[in-house]
Amino acid sequence: MLEKLVEKLKGLSLGANEPVTEGAKHLAAAALLVEAARRDNNFSDSERVTILRLVKENFHLDTDDAQQLVALAEERQKLPYGESIFTRTIEAGFSESERKEVLAMIWKVILADGHLDRLEDIMVHLVAVEIGLTEADADAARGIAEAS
């Protein structure tokens, strides 16, 4: 299943005009959440719990489906593709408001362990630009994440 989704994502990153499936959208967002958790080289239990909660709530998944999605996102780390395959999918498949929600989700994961690493901060601002938003949108998403 992961290979099929990756092939779908690769096609999107090359400019194919196929619509982005819900599964591809969810995997792309979950992969960025996992990447955010790993950015400081410390994927904590609080970050893992936060990712599971966020994908469950935001994508309306049951616990088993959320766990499978996060497991797929973690497997993605073993593949030789950078974040761009996922940021391009998010840019193509999500509305502007959904992309802002993804940024808020990333902030929630980054802040879940109570420590903001410089590399995490850089990552979320770069992701914002790569998904067609601004650094100001990233800062606003942080405020949303901190308020919830």
Protein backbone atom coordinates (compact mmCIF):
# COMPACT_ATOMS: atom_id res chain seq x y z
CA MET A 1 0.00 0.00 0.00
CA LEU A 2 2.79 2.44 0.87
CA GLU A 3 4.44 1.89 -2.49
CA LYS A 4 1.20 2.75 -4.33
CA LEU A 5 0.78 5.95 -2.35
CA VAL A 6 4.40 6.94 -2.93
CA GLU A 7 4.02 6.32 -6.66
CA LYS A 8 0.89 8.48 -6.63
CA LEU A 9 2.76 11.20 -4.76
CA LYS A 10 5.71 10.99 -7.15
CA GLY A 11 3.35 11.50 -10.07
CA LEU A 12 1.92 14.58 -8.41
CA SER A 13 5.33 16.01 -7.77
CA LEU A 14 6.09 15.73 -11.47
CA GLY A 15 3.02 17.76 -12.40
CA ALA A 16 0.46 15.07 -13.20
CA ASN A 17 -3.09 16.41 -13.38
CA GLU A 18 -4.73 13.66 -11.35
CA PRO A 19 -6.73 14.69 -8.29
CA VAL A 20 -5.08 14.06 -4.94
CA THR A 21 -6.76 11.20 -3.08
CA GLU A 22 -7.74 11.51 0.56
CA GLY A 23 -5.27 8.74 1.41
CA ALA A 24 -2.41 10.59 -0.28
CA LYS A 25 -3.39 13.83 1.46
CA HIS A 26 -3.50 12.15 4.85
CA LEU A 27 -0.19 10.36 4.31
CA ALA A 28 1.50 13.57 3.19
CA ALA A 29 0.31 15.47 6.26
CA ALA A 30 1.16 12.61 8.63
CA ALA A 31 4.63 12.29 7.10
CA LEU A 32 5.31 15.97 7.78
CA LEU A 33 4.10 15.54 11.35
CA VAL A 34 6.49 12.62 11.83
CA GLU A 35 9.30 14.62 10.23
CA ALA A 36 8.58 17.52 12.59
CA ALA A 37 8.77 15.17 15.59
CA ARG A 38 12.06 13.74 14.38
CA ARG A 39 13.64 17.05 13.39
CA ASP A 40 15.32 17.48 16.79
CA ASN A 41 16.51 13.84 16.78
CA ASN A 42 14.18 13.03 19.68
CA PHE A 43 10.83 11.51 18.71
CA SER A 44 9.23 11.63 22.16
CA ASP A 45 6.20 9.73 23.42
CA SER A 46 4.34 13.03 23.83
CA GLU A 47 4.96 13.84 20.16
CA ARG A 48 3.80 10.37 19.06
CA VAL A 49 0.61 10.68 21.14
CA THR A 50 0.02 14.14 19.71
CA ILE A 51 0.43 12.90 16.13
CA LEU A 52 -2.01 10.04 16.70
CA ARG A 53 -4.56 12.38 18.26
CA LEU A 54 -4.21 14.96 15.50
CA VAL A 55 -4.61 12.54 12.59
CA LYS A 56 -7.49 10.82 14.35
CA GLU A 57 -9.34 14.10 15.00
CA ASN A 58 -8.48 16.03 11.84
CA PHE A 59 -8.96 13.17 9.38
CA HIS A 60 -11.89 11.56 11.25
CA LEU A 61 -10.14 8.21 11.65
CA ASP A 62 -10.71 5.51 14.20
CA THR A 63 -7.80 4.52 16.43
CA ASP A 64 -6.68 1.58 14.27
CA ASP A 65 -6.69 3.63 11.05
CA ALA A 66 -4.83 6.48 12.76
CA GLN A 67 -2.18 4.06 14.02
CA GLN A 68 -1.81 2.53 10.55
CA LEU A 69 -1.48 5.97 8.96
CA VAL A 70 1.23 7.01 11.41
CA ALA A 71 3.03 3.70 10.88
CA LEU A 72 2.98 4.34 7.12
CA ALA A 73 4.28 7.85 7.70
CA GLU A 74 7.10 6.47 9.83
CA GLU A 75 7.95 3.90 7.12
CA ARG A 76 8.23 6.78 4.69
CA GLN A 77 11.35 7.80 6.60
CA LYS A 78 13.07 4.73 5.16
CA LEU A 79 12.43 5.83 1.58
CA PRO A 80 14.88 8.02 -0.34
CA TYR A 81 12.46 10.91 -0.87
CA GLY A 82 12.66 14.30 0.77
CA GLU A 83 9.86 16.34 2.24
CA SER A 84 9.10 17.96 -1.12
CA ILE A 85 7.05 15.00 -2.29
CA PHE A 86 4.75 15.61 0.68
CA THR A 87 4.73 19.41 0.60
CA ARG A 88 3.81 19.34 -3.09
CA THR A 89 0.96 16.97 -2.34
CA ILE A 90 -0.31 19.26 0.40
CA GLU A 91 -0.01 22.32 -1.83
CA ALA A 92 -1.92 20.57 -4.63
CA GLY A 93 -4.51 18.74 -2.54
CA PHE A 94 -5.42 21.02 0.35
CA SER A 95 -7.29 24.31 0.34
CA GLU A 96 -5.56 27.35 1.83
CA SER A 97 -7.42 26.95 5.13
CA GLU A 98 -6.54 23.24 5.24
CA ARG A 99 -2.88 24.07 4.63
CA LYS A 100 -3.01 26.50 7.54
CA GLU A 101 -4.50 23.70 9.66
CA VAL A 102 -1.60 21.44 8.66
CA LEU A 103 0.83 24.14 9.84
CA ALA A 104 -1.02 24.35 13.17
CA MET A 105 -0.80 20.55 13.45
CA ILE A 106 2.95 20.69 12.82
CA TRP A 107 3.32 23.32 15.55
CA LYS A 108 1.32 21.18 17.97
CA VAL A 109 3.69 18.28 17.37
CA ILE A 110 6.79 20.46 17.63
CA LEU A 111 5.61 21.97 20.90
CA ALA A 112 4.34 18.70 22.40
CA ASP A 113 7.63 17.92 24.11
CA GLY A 114 7.82 21.37 25.70
CA HIS A 115 10.96 22.36 23.79
CA LEU A 116 11.33 24.30 20.54
CA ASP A 117 14.51 23.36 18.73
CA ARG A 118 15.94 25.83 16.21
CA LEU A 119 15.74 23.18 13.45
CA GLU A 120 12.05 22.61 14.19
CA ASP A 121 11.36 26.34 13.92
CA ILE A 122 13.22 26.54 10.62
CA MET A 123 11.38 23.48 9.29
CA VAL A 124 7.88 24.83 9.90
CA HIS A 125 8.69 28.15 8.25
CA LEU A 126 10.18 26.40 5.22
CA VAL A 127 7.19 24.07 4.97
CA ALA A 128 4.87 27.09 5.04
CA VAL A 129 6.54 28.55 1.97
CA GLU A 130 6.71 25.16 0.21
CA ILE A 131 2.96 24.65 0.62
CA GLY A 132 2.13 28.08 -0.76
CA LEU A 133 1.77 30.04 2.45
CA THR A 134 3.89 32.68 4.13
CA GLU A 135 6.15 32.76 7.14
CA ALA A 136 3.53 35.02 8.71
CA ASP A 137 1.00 32.19 8.21
CA ALA A 138 3.44 29.89 10.04
CA ASP A 139 3.64 32.34 12.93
CA ALA A 140 -0.16 32.66 13.04
CA ALA A 141 -0.48 28.86 13.04
CA ARG A 142 1.85 28.74 16.03
CA GLY A 143 -0.47 31.08 17.89
CA ILE A 144 -3.40 28.81 17.07
CA ALA A 145 -1.45 25.76 18.23
CA GLU A 146 -0.43 27.41 21.50
CA ALA A 147 -4.00 28.57 22.18
CA SER A 148 -5.52 25.11 21.81
